[in-house]
């Protein structure tokens, strides 16, 4: 029974990634043909669409956390599944980088597949760390914080990127912040993080509604700050780990204080 559940989870994870990657590949082709023209608004719309498609990979990886924590019985089986999928994915990306037709659907900001491969390694490392710490070490009752960290990163970072590109005007000037990011993008990150965290804490982590609202508010602000101060793609590591750690610390603490 235990092996069957882990095997079912692995199959579900593979099918999920195949469907999602196929959909994103189709959207990336459409995005490459959008926004080409003399009008600046058309160019900007195409840029936003390409960024949205690019962040779809983040959404794909982050939402797969729900399969990992709900359809696997053991943390080590989940880690093995993640390692297997990303190893195959990296090999396919390396091969695909040598094929012109595949290179044309790359949605990295820079030429080639180097950025995508780097981000894939970051994501694999992040998911592995979260599963080992918040499930393997702390125990199964903490595994839901894996989903909290990854969902905030995937959905929040996507919102920050799209809003920042479309509406962002106030760029950060302080050195601690990434100057390519904007105050509007940070605001989108905070709002999205709060909206994502509340149901995760209430329905998965089983925290009280009040404790969940307070925890989500504090963690969302922290997530916005971490996202805005993370440079060179390191938010893939920093956001999920910071969010999971802070949420896991605050929610039980608030509930222990007797907050209903």
C-alpha atoms as a PDB file:
ATOM      1  CA  UNK A   1       0.000   0.000   0.000  1.00  0.00           C
ATOM      2  CA  UNK A   2       2.790   2.400   0.917  1.00  0.00           C
ATOM      3  CA  UNK A   3       4.719   1.656  -2.299  1.00  0.00           C
ATOM      4  CA  UNK A   4       1.525   1.914  -4.351  1.00  0.00           C
ATOM      5  CA  UNK A   5       0.752   5.374  -2.996  1.00  0.00           C
ATOM      6  CA  UNK A   6       4.259   6.676  -3.690  1.00  0.00           C
ATOM      7  CA  UNK A   7       4.186   5.140  -7.178  1.00  0.00           C
ATOM      8  CA  UNK A   8       0.815   6.736  -7.878  1.00  0.00           C
ATOM      9  CA  UNK A   9       2.175  10.066  -6.703  1.00  0.00           C
ATOM     10  CA  UNK A  10       5.193   9.731  -8.987  1.00  0.00           C
ATOM     11  CA  UNK A  11       2.990   8.939 -11.983  1.00  0.00           C
ATOM     12  CA  UNK A  12       0.713  11.882 -11.194  1.00  0.00           C
ATOM     13  CA  UNK A  13       3.757  14.162 -10.940  1.00  0.00           C
ATOM     14  CA  UNK A  14       5.139  13.011 -14.308  1.00  0.00           C
ATOM     15  CA  UNK A  15       1.795  13.444 -16.067  1.00  0.00           C
ATOM     16  CA  UNK A  16       1.361  16.856 -14.487  1.00  0.00           C
ATOM     17  CA  UNK A  17       4.754  18.089 -15.709  1.00  0.00           C
ATOM     18  CA  UNK A  18       4.245  16.700 -19.221  1.00  0.00           C
ATOM     19  CA  UNK A  19       0.883  18.454 -19.614  1.00  0.00           C
ATOM     20  CA  UNK A  20       2.097  21.724 -18.111  1.00  0.00           C
ATOM     21  CA  UNK A  21       5.348  21.854 -20.122  1.00  0.00           C
ATOM     22  CA  UNK A  22       3.472  21.121 -23.357  1.00  0.00           C
ATOM     23  CA  UNK A  23       1.030  23.946 -22.656  1.00  0.00           C
ATOM     24  CA  UNK A  24       3.807  26.407 -21.810  1.00  0.00           C
ATOM     25  CA  UNK A  25       5.749  25.468 -24.946  1.00  0.00           C
ATOM     26  CA  UNK A  26       2.685  26.284 -27.036  1.00  0.00           C
ATOM     27  CA  UNK A  27       2.181  29.583 -25.248  1.00  0.00           C
ATOM     28  CA  UNK A  28       5.841  30.507 -25.657  1.00  0.00           C
ATOM     29  CA  UNK A  29       5.542  30.142 -29.432  1.00  0.00           C
ATOM     30  CA  UNK A  30       2.558  32.482 -29.382  1.00  0.00           C
ATOM     31  CA  UNK A  31       4.417  34.920 -27.114  1.00  0.00           C
ATOM     32  CA  UNK A  32       7.359  35.141 -29.505  1.00  0.00           C
ATOM     33  CA  UNK A  33       5.012  36.324 -32.254  1.00  0.00           C
ATOM     34  CA  UNK A  34       3.321  38.956 -30.098  1.00  0.00           C
ATOM     35  CA  UNK A  35       4.392  42.542 -29.573  1.00  0.00           C
ATOM     36  CA  UNK A  36       6.349  42.923 -32.789  1.00  0.00           C
ATOM     37  CA  UNK A  37       5.643  46.262 -34.399  1.00  0.00           C
ATOM     38  CA  UNK A  38       6.318  49.944 -34.348  1.00  0.00           C
ATOM     39  CA  UNK A  39       3.914  50.860 -31.572  1.00  0.00           C
ATOM     40  CA  UNK A  40       5.456  50.906 -28.120  1.00  0.00           C
ATOM     41  CA  UNK A  41       2.310  49.581 -26.437  1.00  0.00           C
ATOM     42  CA  UNK A  42       2.381  46.513 -28.679  1.00  0.00           C
ATOM     43  CA  UNK A  43       6.025  45.873 -27.885  1.00  0.00           C
ATOM     44  CA  UNK A  44       5.360  46.283 -24.167  1.00  0.00           C
ATOM     45  CA  UNK A  45       2.341  43.965 -24.298  1.00  0.00           C
ATOM     46  CA  UNK A  46       4.486  41.335 -25.975  1.00  0.00           C
ATOM     47  CA  UNK A  47       7.156  41.769 -23.318  1.00  0.00           C
ATOM     48  CA  UNK A  48       4.603  41.279 -20.541  1.00  0.00           C
ATOM     49  CA  UNK A  49       3.202  38.195 -22.242  1.00  0.00           C
ATOM     50  CA  UNK A  50       6.647  36.657 -22.618  1.00  0.00           C
ATOM     51  CA  UNK A  51       7.379  37.370 -18.946  1.00  0.00           C
ATOM     52  CA  UNK A  52       4.060  35.782 -17.976  1.00  0.00           C
ATOM     53  CA  UNK A  53       4.853  32.672 -19.987  1.00  0.00           C
ATOM     54  CA  UNK A  54       8.348  32.581 -18.490  1.00  0.00           C
ATOM     55  CA  UNK A  55       6.928  32.724 -14.978  1.00  0.00           C
ATOM     56  CA  UNK A  56       4.520  29.922 -15.873  1.00  0.00           C
ATOM     57  CA  UNK A  57       7.426  27.542 -15.287  1.00  0.00           C
ATOM     58  CA  UNK A  58       7.666  28.868 -11.747  1.00  0.00           C
ATOM     59  CA  UNK A  59       3.928  28.360 -11.275  1.00  0.00           C
ATOM     60  CA  UNK A  60       4.233  24.823 -12.628  1.00  0.00           C
ATOM     61  CA  UNK A  61       6.976  23.871 -10.197  1.00  0.00           C
ATOM     62  CA  UNK A  62       5.372  25.590  -7.216  1.00  0.00           C
ATOM     63  CA  UNK A  63       1.920  24.060  -7.654  1.00  0.00           C
ATOM     64  CA  UNK A  64       3.465  20.602  -8.019  1.00  0.00           C
ATOM     65  CA  UNK A  65       4.159  20.900  -4.283  1.00  0.00           C
ATOM     66  CA  UNK A  66       0.526  19.975  -3.692  1.00  0.00           C
ATOM     67  CA  UNK A  67       1.090  16.624  -5.409  1.00  0.00           C
ATOM     68  CA  UNK A  68       4.247  16.055  -3.378  1.00  0.00           C
ATOM     69  CA  UNK A  69       2.670  16.641   0.023  1.00  0.00           C
ATOM     70  CA  UNK A  70      -0.751  15.125  -0.666  1.00  0.00           C
ATOM     71  CA  UNK A  71      -0.018  12.112  -2.877  1.00  0.00           C
ATOM     72  CA  UNK A  72       3.248  10.803  -1.437  1.00  0.00           C
ATOM     73  CA  UNK A  73       3.467   8.838   1.778  1.00  0.00           C
ATOM     74  CA  UNK A  74       7.155   9.401   2.503  1.00  0.00           C
ATOM     75  CA  UNK A  75       9.390  12.441   2.140  1.00  0.00           C
ATOM     76  CA  UNK A  76      12.249  10.450   0.643  1.00  0.00           C
ATOM     77  CA  UNK A  77       9.964   9.149  -2.114  1.00  0.00           C
ATOM     78  CA  UNK A  78       8.947  12.733  -2.885  1.00  0.00           C
ATOM     79  CA  UNK A  79      12.604  13.833  -2.964  1.00  0.00           C
ATOM     80  CA  UNK A  80      13.470  10.928  -5.262  1.00  0.00           C
ATOM     81  CA  UNK A  81      10.625  11.828  -7.622  1.00  0.00           C
ATOM     82  CA  UNK A  82      11.737  15.467  -7.757  1.00  0.00           C
ATOM     83  CA  UNK A  83      15.336  14.432  -8.416  1.00  0.00           C
ATOM     84  CA  UNK A  84      14.309  12.043 -11.183  1.00  0.00           C
ATOM     85  CA  UNK A  85      12.044  14.516 -12.959  1.00  0.00           C
ATOM     86  CA  UNK A  86      14.531  17.366 -12.832  1.00  0.00           C
ATOM     87  CA  UNK A  87      17.409  15.126 -13.935  1.00  0.00           C
ATOM     88  CA  UNK A  88      15.448  14.049 -16.999  1.00  0.00           C
ATOM     89  CA  UNK A  89      14.318  17.627 -17.580  1.00  0.00           C
ATOM     90  CA  UNK A  90      17.874  18.976 -17.435  1.00  0.00           C
ATOM     91  CA  UNK A  91      19.068  16.317 -19.876  1.00  0.00           C
ATOM     92  CA  UNK A  92      16.261  17.173 -22.288  1.00  0.00           C
ATOM     93  CA  UNK A  93      17.030  20.898 -21.986  1.00  0.00           C
ATOM     94  CA  UNK A  94      20.707  20.254 -22.741  1.00  0.00           C
ATOM     95  CA  UNK A  95      19.783  18.238 -25.823  1.00  0.00           C
ATOM     96  CA  UNK A  96      17.092  20.740 -26.820  1.00  0.00           C
ATOM     97  CA  UNK A  97      19.575  23.576 -26.640  1.00  0.00           C
ATOM     98  CA  UNK A  98      21.326  22.055 -29.635  1.00  0.00           C
ATOM     99  CA  UNK A  99      18.181  21.927 -31.770  1.00  0.00           C
ATOM    100  CA  UNK A 100      17.225  25.143 -33.539  1.00  0.00           C
ATOM    101  CA  UNK A 101      13.471  24.529 -33.486  1.00  0.00           C
ATOM    102  CA  UNK A 102      13.609  23.960 -29.721  1.00  0.00           C
ATOM    103  CA  UNK A 103      15.838  26.987 -29.102  1.00  0.00           C
ATOM    104  CA  UNK A 104      13.211  29.156 -30.760  1.00  0.00           C
ATOM    105  CA  UNK A 105      10.708  28.468 -27.984  1.00  0.00           C
ATOM    106  CA  UNK A 106      13.175  29.320 -25.217  1.00  0.00           C
ATOM    107  CA  UNK A 107      11.742  32.065 -23.012  1.00  0.00           C
ATOM    108  CA  UNK A 108      14.875  32.865 -21.074  1.00  0.00           C
ATOM    109  CA  UNK A 109      15.756  36.555 -20.856  1.00  0.00           C
ATOM    110  CA  UNK A 110      19.194  35.799 -22.223  1.00  0.00           C
ATOM    111  CA  UNK A 111      20.268  33.804 -25.247  1.00  0.00           C
ATOM    112  CA  UNK A 112      20.301  30.034 -25.008  1.00  0.00           C
ATOM    113  CA  UNK A 113      19.158  27.708 -22.252  1.00  0.00           C
ATOM    114  CA  UNK A 114      21.760  28.616 -19.617  1.00  0.00           C
ATOM    115  CA  UNK A 115      19.357  30.733 -17.542  1.00  0.00           C
ATOM    116  CA  UNK A 116      16.630  28.086 -17.654  1.00  0.00           C
ATOM    117  CA  UNK A 117      19.031  25.331 -16.613  1.00  0.00           C
ATOM    118  CA  UNK A 118      20.368  27.481 -13.768  1.00  0.00           C
ATOM    119  CA  UNK A 119      16.851  28.201 -12.527  1.00  0.00           C
ATOM    120  CA  UNK A 120      15.916  24.523 -12.807  1.00  0.00           C
ATOM    121  CA  UNK A 121      18.869  23.630 -10.574  1.00  0.00           C
ATOM    122  CA  UNK A 122      17.797  26.303  -8.083  1.00  0.00           C
ATOM    123  CA  UNK A 123      14.244  24.954  -8.042  1.00  0.00           C
ATOM    124  CA  UNK A 124      15.386  21.363  -7.570  1.00  0.00           C
ATOM    125  CA  UNK A 125      17.670  22.388  -4.710  1.00  0.00           C
ATOM    126  CA  UNK A 126      14.917  24.440  -3.080  1.00  0.00           C
ATOM    127  CA  UNK A 127      12.291  21.693  -3.302  1.00  0.00           C
ATOM    128  CA  UNK A 128      14.757  19.144  -1.934  1.00  0.00           C
ATOM    129  CA  UNK A 129      15.771  21.359   0.991  1.00  0.00           C
ATOM    130  CA  UNK A 130      12.149  22.097   1.904  1.00  0.00           C
ATOM    131  CA  UNK A 131      11.098  18.441   1.741  1.00  0.00           C
ATOM    132  CA  UNK A 132      14.059  17.257   3.802  1.00  0.00           C
ATOM    133  CA  UNK A 133      13.726  19.958   6.475  1.00  0.00           C
ATOM    134  CA  UNK A 134       9.975  20.476   6.768  1.00  0.00           C
ATOM    135  CA  UNK A 135       8.985  16.849   6.279  1.00  0.00           C
ATOM    136  CA  UNK A 136      11.978  14.616   6.833  1.00  0.00           C
ATOM    137  CA  UNK A 137      13.434  16.412   9.866  1.00  0.00           C
ATOM    138  CA  UNK A 138      10.502  18.271  11.444  1.00  0.00           C
ATOM    139  CA  UNK A 139       7.949  15.581  10.647  1.00  0.00           C
ATOM    140  CA  UNK A 140       4.875  15.143   8.431  1.00  0.00           C
ATOM    141  CA  UNK A 141       2.782  17.750  10.278  1.00  0.00           C
ATOM    142  CA  UNK A 142       5.147  20.418   8.938  1.00  0.00           C
ATOM    143  CA  UNK A 143       5.090  19.261   5.309  1.00  0.00           C
ATOM    144  CA  UNK A 144       2.346  21.757   4.436  1.00  0.00           C
ATOM    145  CA  UNK A 145       4.838  24.586   4.875  1.00  0.00           C
ATOM    146  CA  UNK A 146       6.634  23.171   1.839  1.00  0.00           C
ATOM    147  CA  UNK A 147       3.540  24.123  -0.158  1.00  0.00           C
ATOM    148  CA  UNK A 148       3.331  27.504   1.568  1.00  0.00           C
ATOM    149  CA  UNK A 149       6.884  28.431   0.591  1.00  0.00           C
ATOM    150  CA  UNK A 150       6.696  27.176  -2.978  1.00  0.00           C
ATOM    151  CA  UNK A 151       3.244  28.585  -3.773  1.00  0.00           C
ATOM    152  CA  UNK A 152       4.179  32.040  -2.479  1.00  0.00           C
ATOM    153  CA  UNK A 153       7.316  31.964  -4.609  1.00  0.00           C
ATOM    154  CA  UNK A 154       5.622  30.688  -7.760  1.00  0.00           C
ATOM    155  CA  UNK A 155       2.465  32.797  -7.733  1.00  0.00           C
ATOM    156  CA  UNK A 156       3.812  35.827  -5.876  1.00  0.00           C
ATOM    157  CA  UNK A 157       6.947  36.170  -7.965  1.00  0.00           C
ATOM    158  CA  UNK A 158       4.889  35.816 -11.150  1.00  0.00           C
ATOM    159  CA  UNK A 159       2.546  38.595 -10.009  1.00  0.00           C
ATOM    160  CA  UNK A 160       5.488  40.819  -9.072  1.00  0.00           C
ATOM    161  CA  UNK A 161       7.152  40.317 -12.458  1.00  0.00           C
ATOM    162  CA  UNK A 162       4.037  40.946 -14.546  1.00  0.00           C
ATOM    163  CA  UNK A 163       2.833  43.957 -12.543  1.00  0.00           C
ATOM    164  CA  UNK A 164       6.350  45.349 -12.399  1.00  0.00           C
ATOM    165  CA  UNK A 165       6.733  45.154 -16.172  1.00  0.00           C
ATOM    166  CA  UNK A 166       3.275  46.460 -16.951  1.00  0.00           C
ATOM    167  CA  UNK A 167       2.732  49.073 -14.262  1.00  0.00           C
ATOM    168  CA  UNK A 168       6.070  49.478 -12.523  1.00  0.00           C
ATOM    169  CA  UNK A 169       7.405  53.040 -12.486  1.00  0.00           C
ATOM    170  CA  UNK A 170       9.040  53.481  -9.091  1.00  0.00           C
ATOM    171  CA  UNK A 171      12.326  51.572  -9.181  1.00  0.00           C
ATOM    172  CA  UNK A 172      14.253  50.993  -5.973  1.00  0.00           C
ATOM    173  CA  UNK A 173      17.344  53.130  -5.486  1.00  0.00           C
ATOM    174  CA  UNK A 174      18.738  51.727  -2.267  1.00  0.00           C
ATOM    175  CA  UNK A 175      21.614  49.296  -2.836  1.00  0.00           C
ATOM    176  CA  UNK A 176      20.047  46.560  -0.743  1.00  0.00           C
ATOM    177  CA  UNK A 177      17.249  46.218  -3.315  1.00  0.00           C
ATOM    178  CA  UNK A 178      17.448  44.894  -6.840  1.00  0.00           C
ATOM    179  CA  UNK A 179      17.196  48.136  -8.803  1.00  0.00           C
ATOM    180  CA  UNK A 180      15.538  46.383 -11.721  1.00  0.00           C
ATOM    181  CA  UNK A 181      12.513  45.738  -9.487  1.00  0.00           C
ATOM    182  CA  UNK A 182       9.775  48.204  -8.601  1.00  0.00           C
ATOM    183  CA  UNK A 183       7.627  49.221  -5.666  1.00  0.00           C
ATOM    184  CA  UNK A 184       4.522  48.225  -7.655  1.00  0.00           C
ATOM    185  CA  UNK A 185       5.950  44.747  -8.191  1.00  0.00           C
ATOM    186  CA  UNK A 186       6.715  44.439  -4.483  1.00  0.00           C
ATOM    187  CA  UNK A 187       3.129  45.406  -3.685  1.00  0.00           C
ATOM    188  CA  UNK A 188       1.832  42.713  -6.038  1.00  0.00           C
ATOM    189  CA  UNK A 189       4.097  40.191  -4.337  1.00  0.00           C
ATOM    190  CA  UNK A 190       2.783  41.091  -0.878  1.00  0.00           C
ATOM    191  CA  UNK A 191      -0.898  40.958  -1.863  1.00  0.00           C
ATOM    192  CA  UNK A 192      -0.552  37.684  -3.770  1.00  0.00           C
ATOM    193  CA  UNK A 193       1.458  36.103  -0.955  1.00  0.00           C
ATOM    194  CA  UNK A 194      -1.250  36.966   1.569  1.00  0.00           C
ATOM    195  CA  UNK A 195      -4.016  35.569  -0.650  1.00  0.00           C
ATOM    196  CA  UNK A 196      -2.059  32.349  -1.211  1.00  0.00           C
ATOM    197  CA  UNK A 197      -0.997  31.821   2.396  1.00  0.00           C
ATOM    198  CA  UNK A 198      -4.361  32.109   4.129  1.00  0.00           C
ATOM    199  CA  UNK A 199      -6.018  29.017   2.555  1.00  0.00           C
ATOM    200  CA  UNK A 200      -2.794  26.998   2.858  1.00  0.00           C
ATOM    201  CA  UNK A 201      -2.571  27.736   6.576  1.00  0.00           C
ATOM    202  CA  UNK A 202      -6.279  27.255   7.251  1.00  0.00           C
ATOM    203  CA  UNK A 203      -7.039  24.167   5.153  1.00  0.00           C
ATOM    204  CA  UNK A 204      -3.688  22.364   4.992  1.00  0.00           C
ATOM    205  CA  UNK A 205      -1.737  23.393   8.090  1.00  0.00           C
ATOM    206  CA  UNK A 206      -4.979  23.466  10.133  1.00  0.00           C
ATOM    207  CA  UNK A 207      -4.148  26.748  11.845  1.00  0.00           C
ATOM    208  CA  UNK A 208      -6.990  28.881  13.187  1.00  0.00           C
ATOM    209  CA  UNK A 209      -8.436  31.543  10.908  1.00  0.00           C
ATOM    210  CA  UNK A 210      -7.204  34.435  13.052  1.00  0.00           C
ATOM    211  CA  UNK A 211      -3.743  32.950  13.452  1.00  0.00           C
ATOM    212  CA  UNK A 212      -3.642  32.287   9.710  1.00  0.00           C
ATOM    213  CA  UNK A 213      -4.590  35.870   8.863  1.00  0.00           C
ATOM    214  CA  UNK A 214      -1.977  37.312  11.224  1.00  0.00           C
ATOM    215  CA  UNK A 215       0.700  34.886  10.061  1.00  0.00           C
ATOM    216  CA  UNK A 216      -0.105  35.520   6.397  1.00  0.00           C
ATOM    217  CA  UNK A 217       0.089  39.288   6.897  1.00  0.00           C
ATOM    218  CA  UNK A 218       3.536  39.143   8.526  1.00  0.00           C
ATOM    219  CA  UNK A 219       4.927  36.536   6.134  1.00  0.00           C
ATOM    220  CA  UNK A 220       3.559  38.314   3.057  1.00  0.00           C
ATOM    221  CA  UNK A 221       5.384  41.530   3.944  1.00  0.00           C
ATOM    222  CA  UNK A 222       8.556  39.543   4.599  1.00  0.00           C
ATOM    223  CA  UNK A 223       8.143  37.757   1.254  1.00  0.00           C
ATOM    224  CA  UNK A 224       7.815  41.087  -0.533  1.00  0.00           C
ATOM    225  CA  UNK A 225      11.010  42.337   1.075  1.00  0.00           C
ATOM    226  CA  UNK A 226      12.931  39.132   0.305  1.00  0.00           C
ATOM    227  CA  UNK A 227      11.773  39.186  -3.328  1.00  0.00           C
ATOM    228  CA  UNK A 228      12.792  42.813  -3.783  1.00  0.00           C
ATOM    229  CA  UNK A 229      16.227  42.307  -2.229  1.00  0.00           C
ATOM    230  CA  UNK A 230      17.112  39.048  -3.993  1.00  0.00           C
ATOM    231  CA  UNK A 231      19.496  39.427  -6.928  1.00  0.00           C
ATOM    232  CA  UNK A 232      20.351  37.314  -9.977  1.00  0.00           C
ATOM    233  CA  UNK A 233      17.553  34.784  -9.635  1.00  0.00           C
ATOM    234  CA  UNK A 234      18.367  33.890  -6.033  1.00  0.00           C
ATOM    235  CA  UNK A 235      14.736  34.577  -5.063  1.00  0.00           C
ATOM    236  CA  UNK A 236      14.072  31.035  -6.282  1.00  0.00           C
ATOM    237  CA  UNK A 237      15.970  29.903  -3.195  1.00  0.00           C
ATOM    238  CA  UNK A 238      15.404  32.746  -0.762  1.00  0.00           C
ATOM    239  CA  UNK A 239      11.617  33.227  -1.018  1.00  0.00           C
ATOM    240  CA  UNK A 240      10.408  29.617  -0.492  1.00  0.00           C
ATOM    241  CA  UNK A 241      12.848  28.920   2.337  1.00  0.00           C
ATOM    242  CA  UNK A 242      12.172  32.224   4.130  1.00  0.00           C
ATOM    243  CA  UNK A 243       8.391  31.887   3.786  1.00  0.00           C
ATOM    244  CA  UNK A 244       8.267  28.262   4.925  1.00  0.00           C
ATOM    245  CA  UNK A 245      10.519  28.948   7.906  1.00  0.00           C
ATOM    246  CA  UNK A 246       8.679  32.064   9.058  1.00  0.00           C
ATOM    247  CA  UNK A 247       5.208  30.568   8.567  1.00  0.00           C
ATOM    248  CA  UNK A 248       6.184  27.388  10.403  1.00  0.00           C
ATOM    249  CA  UNK A 249       7.515  29.487  13.284  1.00  0.00           C
ATOM    250  CA  UNK A 250       4.625  31.955  13.560  1.00  0.00           C
ATOM    251  CA  UNK A 251       1.473  29.883  13.031  1.00  0.00           C
ATOM    252  CA  UNK A 252       2.006  27.445  15.948  1.00  0.00           C
ATOM    253  CA  UNK A 253       3.276  30.309  18.122  1.00  0.00           C
ATOM    254  CA  UNK A 254       0.157  32.397  17.552  1.00  0.00           C
ATOM    255  CA  UNK A 255      -2.102  29.419  18.108  1.00  0.00           C
ATOM    256  CA  UNK A 256      -0.184  28.621  21.303  1.00  0.00           C
ATOM    257  CA  UNK A 257      -0.948  32.118  22.590  1.00  0.00           C
ATOM    258  CA  UNK A 258      -4.592  31.202  22.500  1.00  0.00           C
ATOM    259  CA  UNK A 259      -5.518  33.218  19.405  1.00  0.00           C
ATOM    260  CA  UNK A 260      -8.750  31.626  18.134  1.00  0.00           C
END
